[in-house]
Amino acid sequence: MLVLCKARERIMTVNIRHLASSHRFETTVDGFTCELEYTLQGKVMTITHTGVPSEVGGRGIASELVRAAYEVARQEGWKVVPACSYARVWSERHPEYAGLRA
């Protein structure tokens, strides 16, 4: 999944990979791995962790990881529990995904 991130008036392309068997989304930016981890019980995805190293922070990468997770949940017919603090705040700021929240 290719995603365009716009931060600080720069646009960059981020290739987000969904590693379904590992319950993880990840991308590599400037040599640093950024990730989102989740659990899946039935049709409920619980986002448990997002991580972006400080060296590549502030570029909107965590936001795009969470968005990618919500989009996969939509495609799969899953509900989402944003258990990690970043995903929880992100979901509050994106009411367009409210219908996916468990």
N, C-alpha and C. Protein backbone atom coordinates (compact mmCIF):
# COMPACT_ATOMS: atom_id res chain seq x y z
N MET A 1 0.86 -1.15 0.00
CA MET A 1 0.00 0.00 0.00
C MET A 1 0.91 1.22 0.00
N LEU A 2 0.83 2.05 -1.02
CA LEU A 2 1.60 3.28 -1.09
C LEU A 2 0.75 4.42 -0.56
N VAL A 3 1.34 5.25 0.27
CA VAL A 3 0.63 6.35 0.89
C VAL A 3 1.46 7.61 0.72
N LEU A 4 0.82 8.71 0.36
CA LEU A 4 1.51 10.00 0.31
C LEU A 4 1.32 10.69 1.65
N CYS A 5 2.41 11.12 2.26
CA CYS A 5 2.36 11.87 3.51
C CYS A 5 2.73 13.31 3.24
N LYS A 6 1.97 14.23 3.77
CA LYS A 6 2.29 15.65 3.63
C LYS A 6 2.50 16.21 5.02
N ALA A 7 3.70 16.64 5.28
CA ALA A 7 4.01 17.24 6.57
C ALA A 7 5.02 18.35 6.34
N ARG A 8 4.80 19.46 7.01
CA ARG A 8 5.70 20.60 6.88
C ARG A 8 5.94 20.97 5.42
N GLU A 9 4.86 20.91 4.64
CA GLU A 9 4.88 21.29 3.23
C GLU A 9 5.76 20.39 2.36
N ARG A 10 6.10 19.23 2.85
CA ARG A 10 6.83 18.25 2.05
C ARG A 10 5.90 17.08 1.80
N ILE A 11 6.03 16.51 0.65
CA ILE A 11 5.24 15.31 0.34
C ILE A 11 6.22 14.17 0.13
N MET A 12 5.96 13.06 0.80
CA MET A 12 6.80 11.88 0.61
C MET A 12 5.90 10.67 0.43
N THR A 13 6.42 9.67 -0.24
CA THR A 13 5.68 8.43 -0.44
C THR A 13 6.14 7.42 0.60
N VAL A 14 5.18 6.81 1.26
CA VAL A 14 5.46 5.80 2.27
C VAL A 14 4.83 4.50 1.81
N ASN A 15 5.62 3.45 1.74
CA ASN A 15 5.13 2.13 1.36
C ASN A 15 4.82 1.36 2.64
N ILE A 16 3.55 1.27 2.98
CA ILE A 16 3.13 0.58 4.20
C ILE A 16 2.80 -0.87 3.85
N ARG A 17 3.43 -1.77 4.56
CA ARG A 17 3.21 -3.21 4.36
C ARG A 17 2.35 -3.74 5.49
N HIS A 18 1.33 -4.54 5.13
CA HIS A 18 0.52 -5.21 6.14
C HIS A 18 1.05 -6.63 6.25
N LEU A 19 1.64 -6.94 7.37
CA LEU A 19 2.15 -8.28 7.65
C LEU A 19 1.10 -9.00 8.48
N ALA A 20 0.09 -9.50 7.80
CA ALA A 20 -1.10 -10.04 8.47
C ALA A 20 -0.77 -11.17 9.44
N SER A 21 0.14 -12.05 9.07
CA SER A 21 0.45 -13.18 9.95
C SER A 21 1.16 -12.73 11.23
N SER A 22 1.76 -11.55 11.21
CA SER A 22 2.42 -10.99 12.39
C SER A 22 1.57 -9.94 13.10
N HIS A 23 0.37 -9.68 12.56
CA HIS A 23 -0.52 -8.64 13.11
C HIS A 23 0.23 -7.32 13.23
N ARG A 24 0.75 -6.86 12.10
CA ARG A 24 1.63 -5.69 12.11
C ARG A 24 1.56 -4.96 10.77
N PHE A 25 1.65 -3.64 10.84
CA PHE A 25 1.86 -2.80 9.67
C PHE A 25 3.21 -2.17 9.85
N GLU A 26 3.97 -2.05 8.77
CA GLU A 26 5.26 -1.39 8.93
C GLU A 26 5.69 -0.69 7.65
N THR A 27 6.59 0.24 7.85
CA THR A 27 7.22 0.95 6.74
C THR A 27 8.63 1.30 7.18
N THR A 28 9.50 1.50 6.23
CA THR A 28 10.86 1.93 6.52
C THR A 28 11.07 3.30 5.89
N VAL A 29 11.51 4.24 6.71
CA VAL A 29 11.75 5.61 6.26
C VAL A 29 13.17 5.98 6.66
N ASP A 30 13.95 6.36 5.68
CA ASP A 30 15.35 6.75 5.91
C ASP A 30 16.10 5.70 6.72
N GLY A 31 15.79 4.42 6.49
CA GLY A 31 16.48 3.33 7.17
C GLY A 31 15.90 2.96 8.53
N PHE A 32 14.88 3.65 8.99
CA PHE A 32 14.26 3.39 10.30
C PHE A 32 12.92 2.70 10.10
N THR A 33 12.68 1.63 10.87
CA THR A 33 11.43 0.89 10.79
C THR A 33 10.39 1.55 11.70
N CYS A 34 9.23 1.81 11.14
CA CYS A 34 8.09 2.38 11.86
C CYS A 34 7.01 1.31 11.85
N GLU A 35 6.29 1.14 12.96
CA GLU A 35 5.35 0.03 13.03
C GLU A 35 4.08 0.36 13.77
N LEU A 36 3.07 -0.44 13.47
CA LEU A 36 1.82 -0.48 14.21
C LEU A 36 1.55 -1.95 14.45
N GLU A 37 1.26 -2.30 15.70
CA GLU A 37 0.96 -3.68 16.06
C GLU A 37 -0.47 -3.77 16.56
N TYR A 38 -1.08 -4.93 16.31
CA TYR A 38 -2.48 -5.12 16.73
C TYR A 38 -2.71 -6.57 17.08
N THR A 39 -3.80 -6.80 17.79
CA THR A 39 -4.29 -8.16 18.02
C THR A 39 -5.59 -8.29 17.25
N LEU A 40 -5.98 -9.50 16.99
CA LEU A 40 -7.23 -9.75 16.28
C LEU A 40 -7.96 -10.89 16.97
N GLN A 41 -9.16 -10.57 17.46
CA GLN A 41 -10.00 -11.58 18.08
C GLN A 41 -11.34 -11.54 17.36
N GLY A 42 -11.62 -12.62 16.64
CA GLY A 42 -12.82 -12.63 15.83
C GLY A 42 -12.73 -11.54 14.79
N LYS A 43 -13.66 -10.61 14.83
CA LYS A 43 -13.67 -9.50 13.88
C LYS A 43 -13.37 -8.17 14.57
N VAL A 44 -12.54 -8.23 15.62
CA VAL A 44 -12.16 -7.01 16.34
C VAL A 44 -10.64 -6.87 16.34
N MET A 45 -10.17 -5.79 15.68
CA MET A 45 -8.75 -5.44 15.66
C MET A 45 -8.50 -4.47 16.81
N THR A 46 -7.57 -4.82 17.69
CA THR A 46 -7.18 -3.92 18.77
C THR A 46 -5.78 -3.40 18.47
N ILE A 47 -5.68 -2.10 18.24
CA ILE A 47 -4.37 -1.50 17.97
C ILE A 47 -3.67 -1.31 19.31
N THR A 48 -2.54 -2.01 19.49
CA THR A 48 -1.85 -2.04 20.77
C THR A 48 -0.61 -1.17 20.82
N HIS A 49 -0.06 -0.81 19.67
CA HIS A 49 1.21 -0.06 19.67
C HIS A 49 1.44 0.61 18.33
N THR A 50 1.87 1.86 18.37
CA THR A 50 2.42 2.51 17.19
C THR A 50 3.79 3.03 17.59
N GLY A 51 4.73 2.89 16.68
CA GLY A 51 6.08 3.35 16.99
C GLY A 51 6.76 3.95 15.78
N VAL A 52 7.25 5.17 15.96
CA VAL A 52 8.01 5.87 14.93
C VAL A 52 9.25 6.43 15.63
N PRO A 53 10.43 6.01 15.20
CA PRO A 53 11.65 6.54 15.82
C PRO A 53 11.72 8.07 15.71
N SER A 54 12.28 8.70 16.72
CA SER A 54 12.35 10.16 16.74
C SER A 54 13.10 10.73 15.54
N GLU A 55 14.02 9.96 15.00
CA GLU A 55 14.79 10.43 13.84
C GLU A 55 13.92 10.71 12.62
N VAL A 56 12.75 10.08 12.55
CA VAL A 56 11.85 10.29 11.40
C VAL A 56 10.46 10.76 11.86
N GLY A 57 10.37 11.18 13.11
CA GLY A 57 9.10 11.64 13.64
C GLY A 57 8.68 12.98 13.05
N GLY A 58 7.43 13.33 13.26
CA GLY A 58 6.91 14.61 12.81
C GLY A 58 6.59 14.68 11.33
N ARG A 59 6.54 13.56 10.66
CA ARG A 59 6.27 13.53 9.22
C ARG A 59 4.90 12.95 8.88
N GLY A 60 4.12 12.61 9.89
CA GLY A 60 2.80 12.05 9.64
C GLY A 60 2.80 10.54 9.42
N ILE A 61 3.91 9.89 9.74
CA ILE A 61 4.03 8.46 9.48
C ILE A 61 3.10 7.65 10.39
N ALA A 62 3.06 7.96 11.67
CA ALA A 62 2.18 7.23 12.58
C ALA A 62 0.72 7.38 12.15
N SER A 63 0.36 8.57 11.73
CA SER A 63 -1.00 8.80 11.26
C SER A 63 -1.33 7.90 10.08
N GLU A 64 -0.42 7.78 9.15
CA GLU A 64 -0.67 6.93 7.98
C GLU A 64 -0.69 5.46 8.33
N LEU A 65 0.08 5.04 9.33
CA LEU A 65 0.01 3.65 9.78
C LEU A 65 -1.37 3.35 10.37
N VAL A 66 -1.88 4.27 11.19
CA VAL A 66 -3.20 4.07 11.79
C VAL A 66 -4.27 4.09 10.71
N ARG A 67 -4.17 5.03 9.77
CA ARG A 67 -5.13 5.09 8.68
C ARG A 67 -5.13 3.78 7.88
N ALA A 68 -3.95 3.24 7.60
CA ALA A 68 -3.85 1.98 6.86
C ALA A 68 -4.54 0.85 7.63
N ALA A 69 -4.36 0.82 8.96
CA ALA A 69 -5.00 -0.21 9.77
C ALA A 69 -6.53 -0.09 9.70
N TYR A 70 -7.03 1.13 9.80
CA TYR A 70 -8.48 1.34 9.71
C TYR A 70 -9.01 0.95 8.33
N GLU A 71 -8.24 1.24 7.29
CA GLU A 71 -8.70 0.89 5.95
C GLU A 71 -8.75 -0.63 5.75
N VAL A 72 -7.77 -1.34 6.29
CA VAL A 72 -7.81 -2.81 6.21
C VAL A 72 -9.00 -3.32 7.02
N ALA A 73 -9.23 -2.75 8.19
CA ALA A 73 -10.39 -3.16 9.00
C ALA A 73 -11.68 -2.96 8.21
N ARG A 74 -11.79 -1.84 7.52
CA ARG A 74 -12.99 -1.58 6.70
C ARG A 74 -13.14 -2.65 5.62
N GLN A 75 -12.05 -2.96 4.93
CA GLN A 75 -12.09 -3.95 3.85
C GLN A 75 -12.46 -5.34 4.37
N GLU A 76 -12.00 -5.67 5.57
CA GLU A 76 -12.23 -7.00 6.14
C GLU A 76 -13.54 -7.11 6.92
N GLY A 77 -14.21 -5.98 7.14
CA GLY A 77 -15.44 -6.01 7.93
C GLY A 77 -15.19 -6.11 9.43
N TRP A 78 -14.02 -5.62 9.88
CA TRP A 78 -13.65 -5.66 11.29
C TRP A 78 -14.05 -4.36 11.98
N LYS A 79 -14.18 -4.43 13.30
CA LYS A 79 -14.29 -3.26 14.16
C LYS A 79 -12.91 -3.01 14.75
N VAL A 80 -12.69 -1.78 15.26
CA VAL A 80 -11.37 -1.40 15.76
C VAL A 80 -11.48 -0.86 17.18
N VAL A 81 -10.56 -1.32 18.03
CA VAL A 81 -10.38 -0.77 19.37
C VAL A 81 -9.01 -0.09 19.36
N PRO A 82 -8.98 1.24 19.45
CA PRO A 82 -7.70 1.94 19.46
C PRO A 82 -7.13 1.99 20.88
N ALA A 83 -6.46 0.91 21.31
CA ALA A 83 -6.00 0.78 22.69
C ALA A 83 -4.75 1.60 22.98
N CYS A 84 -3.90 1.82 22.00
CA CYS A 84 -2.70 2.61 22.28
C CYS A 84 -3.09 4.09 22.25
N SER A 85 -2.37 4.90 23.01
CA SER A 85 -2.75 6.31 23.18
C SER A 85 -2.74 7.07 21.86
N TYR A 86 -1.77 6.83 20.99
CA TYR A 86 -1.73 7.55 19.72
C TYR A 86 -2.95 7.20 18.87
N ALA A 87 -3.24 5.92 18.73
CA ALA A 87 -4.38 5.49 17.91
C ALA A 87 -5.69 6.02 18.48
N ARG A 88 -5.79 6.10 19.81
CA ARG A 88 -7.01 6.61 20.44
C ARG A 88 -7.22 8.09 20.09
N VAL A 89 -6.17 8.90 20.22
CA VAL A 89 -6.28 10.32 19.88
C VAL A 89 -6.55 10.49 18.39
N TRP A 90 -5.86 9.70 17.57
CA TRP A 90 -6.06 9.78 16.12
C TRP A 90 -7.52 9.50 15.77
N SER A 91 -8.10 8.47 16.37
CA SER A 91 -9.48 8.10 16.04
C SER A 91 -10.46 9.20 16.48
N GLU A 92 -10.16 9.89 17.57
CA GLU A 92 -11.01 11.00 18.01
C GLU A 92 -10.94 12.16 17.02
N ARG A 93 -9.82 12.32 16.36
CA ARG A 93 -9.63 13.42 15.40
C ARG A 93 -10.10 13.08 13.99
N HIS A 94 -10.51 11.83 13.77
CA HIS A 94 -10.95 11.39 12.45
C HIS A 94 -12.33 10.75 12.54
N PRO A 95 -13.36 11.60 12.67
CA PRO A 95 -14.72 11.06 12.83
C PRO A 95 -15.21 10.26 11.62
N GLU A 96 -14.53 10.40 10.50
CA GLU A 96 -14.94 9.62 9.31
C GLU A 96 -14.75 8.11 9.53
N TYR A 97 -14.00 7.73 10.57
CA TYR A 97 -13.80 6.31 10.89
C TYR A 97 -14.60 5.86 12.11
N ALA A 98 -15.46 6.73 12.64
CA ALA A 98 -16.21 6.42 13.86
C ALA A 98 -17.03 5.13 13.72
N GLY A 99 -17.56 4.87 12.55
CA GLY A 99 -18.37 3.68 12.34
C GLY A 99 -17.60 2.36 12.45
N LEU A 100 -16.28 2.44 12.46
CA LEU A 100 -15.46 1.23 12.57
C LEU A 100 -15.08 0.93 14.01
N ARG A 101 -15.29 1.86 14.91
CA ARG A 101 -14.87 1.66 16.30
C ARG A 101 -15.79 0.66 17.01
N ALA A 102 -15.16 -0.22 17.75
CA ALA A 102 -15.91 -1.23 18.50
C ALA A 102 -16.44 -0.64 19.78
